[in-house]
Amino acid sequence: MDTTPDGRPVPPPHAGEREGLESWLDFHRATLELKCAGLDDRQLRLASVAPSSMTLLGLVQHMAEVERNWFQRVFAGRDVPPVYEGGSGDGFTLVPGRGIDEALSLWRAEVARSRDLIAGSSLEDAGKLSEKEAGHVGGQGVSLRWILVHMIEEYARHNGHADLIRECIDGTTGA
């Protein structure tokens, strides 16, 4: 597999649908991790601009929650608690003493579970949304294809946030 100069996996330009979706998701997962690289705990807790309280550490925690929700709860139908107790359940709440090493470890574990849960599944296999979530989508059933596309969108959107936060911290842009 080819990689970018910073080590992220390059999605193959002629991949089939499944490989393409999974490759783009992995690319965006690697991008989020890259945005946090080389920063200290104080920097990872810095918010971008008022009134936002979004931080790079909070984004990693949030994406662990997102991975758990879409792959364990929705796709696999598991009744699992939030990754992070307390706060609003979205993962953005920062806790003194919980730094990037712990957050990345939990996030990587969720990513690994996500990969395991979809291995061998068809893109047409479906998960089930809660009634509340279904109201936003228009139905309770969502295919693995839909989930993968949504996850790419979720990471891409938050990687845009991460770009801006990182630029505010140390001027690093791009990628």
N, C-alpha and C. Protein backbone atom coordinates (compact mmCIF):
# COMPACT_ATOMS: atom_id res chain seq x y z
N MET A 1 0.84 -1.18 0.00
CA MET A 1 0.00 0.00 0.00
C MET A 1 0.88 1.24 0.00
N ASP A 2 0.53 2.18 -0.85
CA ASP A 2 1.24 3.45 -0.90
C ASP A 2 0.84 4.31 0.29
N THR A 3 1.77 5.18 0.69
CA THR A 3 1.48 6.11 1.78
C THR A 3 1.88 7.51 1.36
N THR A 4 1.27 8.49 2.01
CA THR A 4 1.64 9.88 1.81
C THR A 4 2.99 10.09 2.49
N PRO A 5 3.68 11.20 2.21
CA PRO A 5 4.97 11.44 2.88
C PRO A 5 4.88 11.44 4.41
N ASP A 6 3.70 11.73 4.96
CA ASP A 6 3.55 11.73 6.42
C ASP A 6 3.10 10.37 6.96
N GLY A 7 2.99 9.36 6.07
CA GLY A 7 2.73 7.99 6.51
C GLY A 7 1.29 7.52 6.45
N ARG A 8 0.36 8.37 6.01
CA ARG A 8 -1.03 7.94 5.92
C ARG A 8 -1.24 7.05 4.70
N PRO A 9 -2.13 6.05 4.81
CA PRO A 9 -2.37 5.16 3.67
C PRO A 9 -3.13 5.88 2.55
N VAL A 10 -2.65 5.74 1.33
CA VAL A 10 -3.31 6.35 0.18
C VAL A 10 -4.39 5.40 -0.33
N PRO A 11 -5.63 5.85 -0.40
CA PRO A 11 -6.68 4.99 -0.95
C PRO A 11 -6.36 4.64 -2.41
N PRO A 12 -6.43 3.36 -2.76
CA PRO A 12 -6.10 2.96 -4.13
C PRO A 12 -7.06 3.63 -5.14
N PRO A 13 -6.52 4.21 -6.21
CA PRO A 13 -7.37 4.93 -7.17
C PRO A 13 -8.26 4.03 -8.03
N HIS A 14 -8.03 2.73 -8.03
CA HIS A 14 -8.85 1.82 -8.84
C HIS A 14 -9.43 0.70 -7.99
N ALA A 15 -9.70 0.98 -6.75
CA ALA A 15 -10.23 -0.03 -5.83
C ALA A 15 -11.70 -0.30 -6.13
N GLY A 16 -12.14 -1.47 -5.73
CA GLY A 16 -13.57 -1.76 -5.77
C GLY A 16 -14.28 -0.95 -4.70
N GLU A 17 -15.60 -1.03 -4.70
CA GLU A 17 -16.38 -0.21 -3.79
C GLU A 17 -16.01 -0.44 -2.32
N ARG A 18 -16.00 -1.68 -1.88
CA ARG A 18 -15.72 -1.98 -0.47
C ARG A 18 -14.33 -1.53 -0.08
N GLU A 19 -13.34 -1.89 -0.88
CA GLU A 19 -11.97 -1.50 -0.58
C GLU A 19 -11.83 0.02 -0.60
N GLY A 20 -12.50 0.68 -1.54
CA GLY A 20 -12.44 2.14 -1.61
C GLY A 20 -13.02 2.79 -0.37
N LEU A 21 -14.20 2.34 0.06
CA LEU A 21 -14.82 2.90 1.25
C LEU A 21 -13.95 2.70 2.49
N GLU A 22 -13.48 1.47 2.67
CA GLU A 22 -12.66 1.19 3.85
C GLU A 22 -11.33 1.94 3.80
N SER A 23 -10.76 2.09 2.60
CA SER A 23 -9.48 2.81 2.46
C SER A 23 -9.64 4.29 2.78
N TRP A 24 -10.73 4.90 2.29
CA TRP A 24 -10.95 6.30 2.61
C TRP A 24 -11.22 6.52 4.09
N LEU A 25 -11.94 5.59 4.71
CA LEU A 25 -12.18 5.70 6.15
C LEU A 25 -10.85 5.59 6.89
N ASP A 26 -10.00 4.65 6.51
CA ASP A 26 -8.70 4.52 7.17
C ASP A 26 -7.82 5.75 6.95
N PHE A 27 -7.89 6.34 5.76
CA PHE A 27 -7.14 7.57 5.49
C PHE A 27 -7.57 8.68 6.45
N HIS A 28 -8.87 8.83 6.63
CA HIS A 28 -9.35 9.89 7.51
C HIS A 28 -9.08 9.59 8.98
N ARG A 29 -9.11 8.32 9.35
CA ARG A 29 -8.72 7.96 10.72
C ARG A 29 -7.26 8.36 10.96
N ALA A 30 -6.40 8.04 10.00
CA ALA A 30 -4.97 8.37 10.13
C ALA A 30 -4.76 9.88 10.15
N THR A 31 -5.58 10.62 9.42
CA THR A 31 -5.46 12.07 9.40
C THR A 31 -5.76 12.66 10.77
N LEU A 32 -6.79 12.18 11.43
CA LEU A 32 -7.10 12.69 12.77
C LEU A 32 -5.93 12.44 13.71
N GLU A 33 -5.37 11.25 13.67
CA GLU A 33 -4.23 10.94 14.53
C GLU A 33 -3.04 11.85 14.21
N LEU A 34 -2.80 12.09 12.93
CA LEU A 34 -1.70 12.95 12.51
C LEU A 34 -1.86 14.37 13.06
N LYS A 35 -3.09 14.87 13.09
CA LYS A 35 -3.34 16.23 13.58
C LYS A 35 -2.95 16.39 15.05
N CYS A 36 -2.90 15.30 15.79
CA CYS A 36 -2.56 15.35 17.22
C CYS A 36 -1.08 15.10 17.47
N ALA A 37 -0.37 14.64 16.47
CA ALA A 37 1.03 14.22 16.65
C ALA A 37 1.93 15.39 17.03
N GLY A 38 2.80 15.15 17.99
CA GLY A 38 3.82 16.11 18.36
C GLY A 38 3.36 17.24 19.27
N LEU A 39 2.13 17.18 19.74
CA LEU A 39 1.63 18.23 20.63
C LEU A 39 1.62 17.74 22.07
N ASP A 40 1.80 18.68 23.00
CA ASP A 40 1.75 18.30 24.41
C ASP A 40 0.31 18.39 24.92
N ASP A 41 0.11 17.95 26.15
CA ASP A 41 -1.24 17.87 26.72
C ASP A 41 -1.93 19.23 26.73
N ARG A 42 -1.20 20.27 27.07
CA ARG A 42 -1.79 21.61 27.11
C ARG A 42 -2.28 22.01 25.72
N GLN A 43 -1.48 21.76 24.70
CA GLN A 43 -1.86 22.12 23.34
C GLN A 43 -3.08 21.33 22.85
N LEU A 44 -3.13 20.06 23.21
CA LEU A 44 -4.24 19.21 22.79
C LEU A 44 -5.56 19.60 23.45
N ARG A 45 -5.48 20.39 24.51
CA ARG A 45 -6.67 20.85 25.22
C ARG A 45 -7.07 22.28 24.85
N LEU A 46 -6.35 22.89 23.92
CA LEU A 46 -6.66 24.26 23.51
C LEU A 46 -7.83 24.27 22.54
N ALA A 47 -8.79 25.14 22.81
CA ALA A 47 -9.93 25.30 21.90
C ALA A 47 -9.52 26.21 20.75
N SER A 48 -10.22 26.06 19.64
CA SER A 48 -9.88 26.83 18.45
C SER A 48 -10.18 28.31 18.64
N VAL A 49 -11.44 28.66 18.62
CA VAL A 49 -11.85 30.05 18.76
C VAL A 49 -13.14 30.11 19.55
N ALA A 50 -13.28 31.18 20.32
CA ALA A 50 -14.52 31.36 21.09
C ALA A 50 -15.67 31.52 20.12
N PRO A 51 -16.84 31.04 20.42
CA PRO A 51 -17.26 30.41 21.65
C PRO A 51 -17.04 28.90 21.66
N SER A 52 -16.41 28.32 20.64
CA SER A 52 -16.23 26.88 20.56
C SER A 52 -15.30 26.37 21.67
N SER A 53 -15.64 25.21 22.20
CA SER A 53 -14.77 24.57 23.19
C SER A 53 -14.13 23.32 22.58
N MET A 54 -14.24 23.16 21.25
CA MET A 54 -13.71 21.99 20.57
C MET A 54 -12.18 21.97 20.63
N THR A 55 -11.64 20.80 20.99
CA THR A 55 -10.21 20.61 21.10
C THR A 55 -9.81 19.36 20.32
N LEU A 56 -8.52 19.22 20.05
CA LEU A 56 -8.04 18.00 19.39
C LEU A 56 -8.26 16.77 20.26
N LEU A 57 -7.99 16.90 21.56
CA LEU A 57 -8.23 15.79 22.47
C LEU A 57 -9.72 15.43 22.48
N GLY A 58 -10.58 16.42 22.52
CA GLY A 58 -12.01 16.18 22.49
C GLY A 58 -12.45 15.51 21.19
N LEU A 59 -11.83 15.87 20.08
CA LEU A 59 -12.17 15.24 18.80
C LEU A 59 -11.81 13.75 18.79
N VAL A 60 -10.67 13.40 19.35
CA VAL A 60 -10.29 11.98 19.42
C VAL A 60 -11.30 11.22 20.29
N GLN A 61 -11.64 11.80 21.43
CA GLN A 61 -12.62 11.16 22.31
C GLN A 61 -13.97 11.03 21.61
N HIS A 62 -14.39 12.10 20.92
CA HIS A 62 -15.67 12.09 20.21
C HIS A 62 -15.68 10.99 19.15
N MET A 63 -14.60 10.86 18.41
CA MET A 63 -14.59 9.86 17.34
C MET A 63 -14.57 8.44 17.90
N ALA A 64 -14.05 8.24 19.10
CA ALA A 64 -14.18 6.93 19.75
C ALA A 64 -15.65 6.63 20.02
N GLU A 65 -16.38 7.64 20.48
CA GLU A 65 -17.82 7.47 20.72
C GLU A 65 -18.57 7.22 19.41
N VAL A 66 -18.19 7.92 18.37
CA VAL A 66 -18.85 7.76 17.06
C VAL A 66 -18.60 6.36 16.51
N GLU A 67 -17.35 5.89 16.59
CA GLU A 67 -17.03 4.52 16.15
C GLU A 67 -17.90 3.52 16.90
N ARG A 68 -17.97 3.66 18.23
CA ARG A 68 -18.75 2.73 19.04
C ARG A 68 -20.22 2.77 18.64
N ASN A 69 -20.75 3.97 18.47
CA ASN A 69 -22.17 4.09 18.14
C ASN A 69 -22.50 3.42 16.82
N TRP A 70 -21.80 3.77 15.77
CA TRP A 70 -22.19 3.29 14.44
C TRP A 70 -21.87 1.83 14.20
N PHE A 71 -20.76 1.34 14.73
CA PHE A 71 -20.42 -0.05 14.45
C PHE A 71 -20.92 -1.03 15.51
N GLN A 72 -20.81 -0.68 16.77
CA GLN A 72 -21.28 -1.60 17.81
C GLN A 72 -22.78 -1.50 18.03
N ARG A 73 -23.28 -0.28 18.26
CA ARG A 73 -24.71 -0.12 18.57
C ARG A 73 -25.58 -0.31 17.33
N VAL A 74 -25.32 0.48 16.30
CA VAL A 74 -26.20 0.47 15.13
C VAL A 74 -25.98 -0.79 14.30
N PHE A 75 -24.75 -1.02 13.83
CA PHE A 75 -24.54 -2.14 12.91
C PHE A 75 -24.67 -3.50 13.61
N ALA A 76 -24.00 -3.67 14.76
CA ALA A 76 -24.01 -4.97 15.43
C ALA A 76 -25.15 -5.14 16.42
N GLY A 77 -25.88 -4.06 16.72
CA GLY A 77 -27.02 -4.15 17.62
C GLY A 77 -26.66 -4.41 19.07
N ARG A 78 -25.47 -4.03 19.45
CA ARG A 78 -25.02 -4.24 20.83
C ARG A 78 -25.50 -3.11 21.74
N ASP A 79 -25.79 -3.47 22.97
CA ASP A 79 -26.16 -2.49 23.99
C ASP A 79 -24.92 -2.23 24.83
N VAL A 80 -24.13 -1.26 24.42
CA VAL A 80 -22.87 -0.96 25.10
C VAL A 80 -22.93 0.45 25.68
N PRO A 81 -22.25 0.66 26.81
CA PRO A 81 -22.25 2.00 27.42
C PRO A 81 -21.36 2.94 26.62
N PRO A 82 -21.44 4.23 26.91
CA PRO A 82 -20.52 5.17 26.26
C PRO A 82 -19.07 4.82 26.58
N VAL A 83 -18.17 5.21 25.72
CA VAL A 83 -16.74 5.03 25.98
C VAL A 83 -16.35 5.86 27.20
N TYR A 84 -16.86 7.08 27.27
CA TYR A 84 -16.55 8.02 28.35
C TYR A 84 -17.80 8.31 29.15
N GLU A 85 -17.76 8.03 30.42
CA GLU A 85 -18.87 8.34 31.32
C GLU A 85 -18.86 9.84 31.62
N GLY A 86 -20.00 10.38 31.92
CA GLY A 86 -20.09 11.79 32.26
C GLY A 86 -20.17 12.65 31.01
N GLY A 87 -20.36 13.92 31.21
CA GLY A 87 -20.50 14.82 30.09
C GLY A 87 -21.81 14.56 29.36
N SER A 88 -21.87 14.94 28.11
CA SER A 88 -23.10 14.81 27.34
C SER A 88 -23.16 13.50 26.56
N GLY A 89 -22.14 12.66 26.68
CA GLY A 89 -22.13 11.39 25.96
C GLY A 89 -21.55 11.49 24.57
N ASP A 90 -21.11 12.69 24.18
CA ASP A 90 -20.55 12.85 22.83
C ASP A 90 -19.03 12.74 22.82
N GLY A 91 -18.41 12.64 24.01
CA GLY A 91 -16.96 12.48 24.09
C GLY A 91 -16.17 13.77 24.15
N PHE A 92 -16.80 14.89 23.94
CA PHE A 92 -16.05 16.14 23.89
C PHE A 92 -15.57 16.64 25.26
N THR A 93 -16.18 16.17 26.35
CA THR A 93 -15.83 16.65 27.69
C THR A 93 -14.42 16.20 28.07
N LEU A 94 -13.60 17.15 28.45
CA LEU A 94 -12.23 16.84 28.87
C LEU A 94 -12.19 16.65 30.37
N VAL A 95 -11.34 15.70 30.79
CA VAL A 95 -11.20 15.39 32.20
C VAL A 95 -9.73 15.53 32.56
N PRO A 96 -9.42 16.25 33.64
CA PRO A 96 -8.02 16.32 34.07
C PRO A 96 -7.47 14.92 34.29
N GLY A 97 -6.28 14.69 33.86
CA GLY A 97 -5.65 13.38 34.06
C GLY A 97 -5.88 12.41 32.91
N ARG A 98 -6.85 12.66 32.05
CA ARG A 98 -7.04 11.80 30.87
C ARG A 98 -6.46 12.54 29.69
N GLY A 99 -5.32 12.05 29.24
CA GLY A 99 -4.62 12.70 28.15
C GLY A 99 -4.72 11.95 26.84
N ILE A 100 -3.89 12.35 25.92
CA ILE A 100 -3.96 11.82 24.56
C ILE A 100 -3.58 10.35 24.49
N ASP A 101 -2.65 9.89 25.30
CA ASP A 101 -2.28 8.47 25.24
C ASP A 101 -3.47 7.58 25.54
N GLU A 102 -4.21 7.90 26.60
CA GLU A 102 -5.39 7.12 26.95
C GLU A 102 -6.47 7.27 25.89
N ALA A 103 -6.70 8.50 25.43
CA ALA A 103 -7.74 8.74 24.42
C ALA A 103 -7.42 8.00 23.12
N LEU A 104 -6.17 8.06 22.68
CA LEU A 104 -5.81 7.35 21.45
C LEU A 104 -5.91 5.84 21.62
N SER A 105 -5.55 5.35 22.78
CA SER A 105 -5.65 3.91 23.05
C SER A 105 -7.11 3.45 22.97
N LEU A 106 -8.01 4.19 23.60
CA LEU A 106 -9.44 3.86 23.56
C LEU A 106 -9.99 3.99 22.15
N TRP A 107 -9.60 5.04 21.44
CA TRP A 107 -10.05 5.25 20.06
C TRP A 107 -9.55 4.12 19.16
N ARG A 108 -8.26 3.76 19.29
CA ARG A 108 -7.72 2.65 18.47
C ARG A 108 -8.45 1.34 18.76
N ALA A 109 -8.80 1.11 20.01
CA ALA A 109 -9.55 -0.11 20.36
C ALA A 109 -10.92 -0.10 19.70
N GLU A 110 -11.58 1.06 19.67
CA GLU A 110 -12.88 1.16 19.00
C GLU A 110 -12.74 0.95 17.50
N VAL A 111 -11.70 1.50 16.91
CA VAL A 111 -11.46 1.30 15.47
C VAL A 111 -11.25 -0.18 15.19
N ALA A 112 -10.45 -0.85 16.01
CA ALA A 112 -10.20 -2.29 15.81
C ALA A 112 -11.50 -3.09 15.94
N ARG A 113 -12.34 -2.74 16.93
CA ARG A 113 -13.64 -3.42 17.07
C ARG A 113 -14.51 -3.17 15.85
N SER A 114 -14.49 -1.95 15.36
CA SER A 114 -15.28 -1.61 14.17
C SER A 114 -14.86 -2.49 13.00
N ARG A 115 -13.57 -2.58 12.79
CA ARG A 115 -13.07 -3.41 11.68
C ARG A 115 -13.49 -4.87 11.86
N ASP A 116 -13.36 -5.38 13.07
CA ASP A 116 -13.74 -6.78 13.33
C ASP A 116 -15.22 -7.01 13.09
N LEU A 117 -16.06 -6.07 13.50
CA LEU A 117 -17.50 -6.24 13.38
C LEU A 117 -18.00 -6.25 11.94
N ILE A 118 -17.29 -5.56 11.05
CA ILE A 118 -17.75 -5.53 9.67
C ILE A 118 -17.04 -6.53 8.77
N ALA A 119 -15.98 -7.14 9.27
CA ALA A 119 -15.24 -8.12 8.46
C ALA A 119 -16.20 -9.22 8.01
N GLY A 120 -16.19 -9.49 6.73
CA GLY A 120 -17.05 -10.54 6.21
C GLY A 120 -18.49 -10.14 5.97
N SER A 121 -18.86 -8.93 6.33
CA SER A 121 -20.23 -8.46 6.11
C SER A 121 -20.34 -7.88 4.71
N SER A 122 -21.53 -7.96 4.19
CA SER A 122 -21.85 -7.37 2.89
C SER A 122 -22.16 -5.89 3.07
N LEU A 123 -21.91 -5.10 2.05
CA LEU A 123 -22.29 -3.69 2.10
C LEU A 123 -23.79 -3.51 2.23
N GLU A 124 -24.55 -4.53 1.85
CA GLU A 124 -26.00 -4.46 1.96
C GLU A 124 -26.51 -4.87 3.34
N ASP A 125 -25.66 -5.52 4.15
CA ASP A 125 -26.08 -5.89 5.51
C ASP A 125 -26.47 -4.60 6.24
N ALA A 126 -27.49 -4.72 7.07
CA ALA A 126 -28.02 -3.51 7.69
C ALA A 126 -27.95 -3.55 9.21
N GLY A 127 -27.83 -2.36 9.75
CA GLY A 127 -27.96 -2.15 11.18
C GLY A 127 -29.25 -1.42 11.43
N LYS A 128 -29.54 -1.22 12.70
CA LYS A 128 -30.83 -0.61 13.06
C LYS A 128 -30.60 0.62 13.94
N LEU A 129 -31.17 1.72 13.52
CA LEU A 129 -31.11 2.95 14.29
C LEU A 129 -32.18 2.96 15.36
N SER A 130 -31.93 3.74 16.40
CA SER A 130 -32.98 3.97 17.39
C SER A 130 -34.09 4.78 16.72
N GLU A 131 -35.25 4.81 17.34
CA GLU A 131 -36.36 5.59 16.78
C GLU A 131 -35.98 7.07 16.65
N LYS A 132 -35.26 7.58 17.65
CA LYS A 132 -34.84 8.98 17.62
C LYS A 132 -33.91 9.23 16.44
N GLU A 133 -32.90 8.37 16.27
CA GLU A 133 -31.95 8.53 15.16
C GLU A 133 -32.65 8.34 13.82
N ALA A 134 -33.59 7.41 13.76
CA ALA A 134 -34.30 7.13 12.52
C ALA A 134 -35.06 8.35 12.02
N GLY A 135 -35.49 9.20 12.94
CA GLY A 135 -36.19 10.42 12.56
C GLY A 135 -35.34 11.35 11.72
N HIS A 136 -34.02 11.27 11.88
CA HIS A 136 -33.10 12.12 11.11
C HIS A 136 -32.78 11.52 9.75
N VAL A 137 -32.94 10.22 9.63
CA VAL A 137 -32.52 9.50 8.43
C VAL A 137 -33.71 9.11 7.55
N GLY A 138 -34.86 8.93 8.17
CA GLY A 138 -36.04 8.56 7.42
C GLY A 138 -36.40 7.09 7.51
N GLY A 139 -35.71 6.36 8.35
CA GLY A 139 -36.01 4.94 8.54
C GLY A 139 -35.03 4.34 9.53
N GLN A 140 -35.37 3.19 10.07
CA GLN A 140 -34.51 2.59 11.08
C GLN A 140 -33.37 1.76 10.50
N GLY A 141 -33.56 1.22 9.31
CA GLY A 141 -32.51 0.37 8.73
C GLY A 141 -31.51 1.18 7.93
N VAL A 142 -30.22 0.94 8.18
CA VAL A 142 -29.15 1.57 7.40
C VAL A 142 -28.15 0.50 7.01
N SER A 143 -27.74 0.52 5.75
CA SER A 143 -26.80 -0.48 5.25
C SER A 143 -25.39 -0.17 5.74
N LEU A 144 -24.55 -1.19 5.70
CA LEU A 144 -23.13 -0.98 6.02
C LEU A 144 -22.54 0.04 5.06
N ARG A 145 -22.95 0.03 3.81
CA ARG A 145 -22.48 1.02 2.84
C ARG A 145 -22.79 2.43 3.35
N TRP A 146 -24.03 2.64 3.79
CA TRP A 146 -24.45 3.95 4.30
C TRP A 146 -23.60 4.34 5.51
N ILE A 147 -23.37 3.39 6.41
CA ILE A 147 -22.58 3.66 7.61
C ILE A 147 -21.16 4.05 7.24
N LEU A 148 -20.54 3.33 6.31
CA LEU A 148 -19.17 3.65 5.90
C LEU A 148 -19.09 5.04 5.27
N VAL A 149 -20.04 5.36 4.40
CA VAL A 149 -20.05 6.70 3.79
C VAL A 149 -20.25 7.75 4.88
N HIS A 150 -21.16 7.50 5.80
CA HIS A 150 -21.38 8.46 6.89
C HIS A 150 -20.12 8.63 7.74
N MET A 151 -19.43 7.55 8.03
CA MET A 151 -18.20 7.65 8.84
C MET A 151 -17.12 8.44 8.11
N ILE A 152 -16.99 8.26 6.80
CA ILE A 152 -16.03 9.06 6.03
C ILE A 152 -16.40 10.53 6.15
N GLU A 153 -17.68 10.83 6.01
CA GLU A 153 -18.16 12.21 6.13
C GLU A 153 -17.89 12.76 7.53
N GLU A 154 -18.14 11.96 8.53
CA GLU A 154 -17.95 12.40 9.91
C GLU A 154 -16.48 12.73 10.18
N TYR A 155 -15.59 11.83 9.77
CA TYR A 155 -14.16 12.09 9.95
C TYR A 155 -13.70 13.29 9.13
N ALA A 156 -14.15 13.37 7.87
CA ALA A 156 -13.71 14.47 7.01
C ALA A 156 -14.12 15.82 7.60
N ARG A 157 -15.35 15.89 8.09
CA ARG A 157 -15.84 17.14 8.70
C ARG A 157 -14.99 17.49 9.92
N HIS A 158 -14.78 16.52 10.79
CA HIS A 158 -14.00 16.80 11.99
C HIS A 158 -12.52 16.99 11.70
N ASN A 159 -12.01 16.40 10.64
CA ASN A 159 -10.63 16.67 10.26
C ASN A 159 -10.47 18.12 9.79
N GLY A 160 -11.52 18.68 9.20
CA GLY A 160 -11.50 20.11 8.88
C GLY A 160 -11.41 20.95 10.14
N HIS A 161 -12.19 20.56 11.16
CA HIS A 161 -12.07 21.24 12.46
C HIS A 161 -10.65 21.09 13.00
N ALA A 162 -10.13 19.87 12.93
CA ALA A 162 -8.78 19.60 13.45
C ALA A 162 -7.73 20.44 12.73
N ASP A 163 -7.89 20.63 11.42
CA ASP A 163 -6.97 21.50 10.66
C ASP A 163 -6.93 22.89 11.25
N LEU A 164 -8.12 23.45 11.51
CA LEU A 164 -8.18 24.81 12.03
C LEU A 164 -7.63 24.90 13.45
N ILE A 165 -7.96 23.91 14.28
CA ILE A 165 -7.45 23.91 15.65
C ILE A 165 -5.92 23.82 15.63
N ARG A 166 -5.39 22.90 14.83
CA ARG A 166 -3.94 22.73 14.77
C ARG A 166 -3.27 24.00 14.26
N GLU A 167 -3.85 24.64 13.27
CA GLU A 167 -3.28 25.88 12.75
C GLU A 167 -3.24 26.94 13.84
N CYS A 168 -4.27 27.02 14.67
CA CYS A 168 -4.28 27.98 15.78
C CYS A 168 -3.21 27.68 16.80
N ILE A 169 -2.90 26.40 16.97
CA ILE A 169 -1.92 26.00 17.99
C ILE A 169 -0.50 26.30 17.58
N ASP A 170 -0.12 25.84 16.36
CA ASP A 170 1.29 25.97 15.98
C ASP A 170 1.53 26.35 14.52
N GLY A 171 0.45 26.71 13.82
CA GLY A 171 0.61 27.14 12.43
C GLY A 171 0.66 26.02 11.42
N THR A 172 0.62 24.75 11.86
CA THR A 172 0.66 23.63 10.92
C THR A 172 -0.65 23.57 10.15
N THR A 173 -0.53 23.50 8.82
CA THR A 173 -1.71 23.43 7.97
C THR A 173 -1.59 22.27 6.99
N GLY A 174 -2.71 21.97 6.36
CA GLY A 174 -2.73 20.98 5.30
C GLY A 174 -2.87 19.57 5.78
N ALA A 175 -2.90 18.67 4.82
CA ALA A 175 -3.00 17.22 5.05
C ALA A 175 -4.31 16.93 5.69
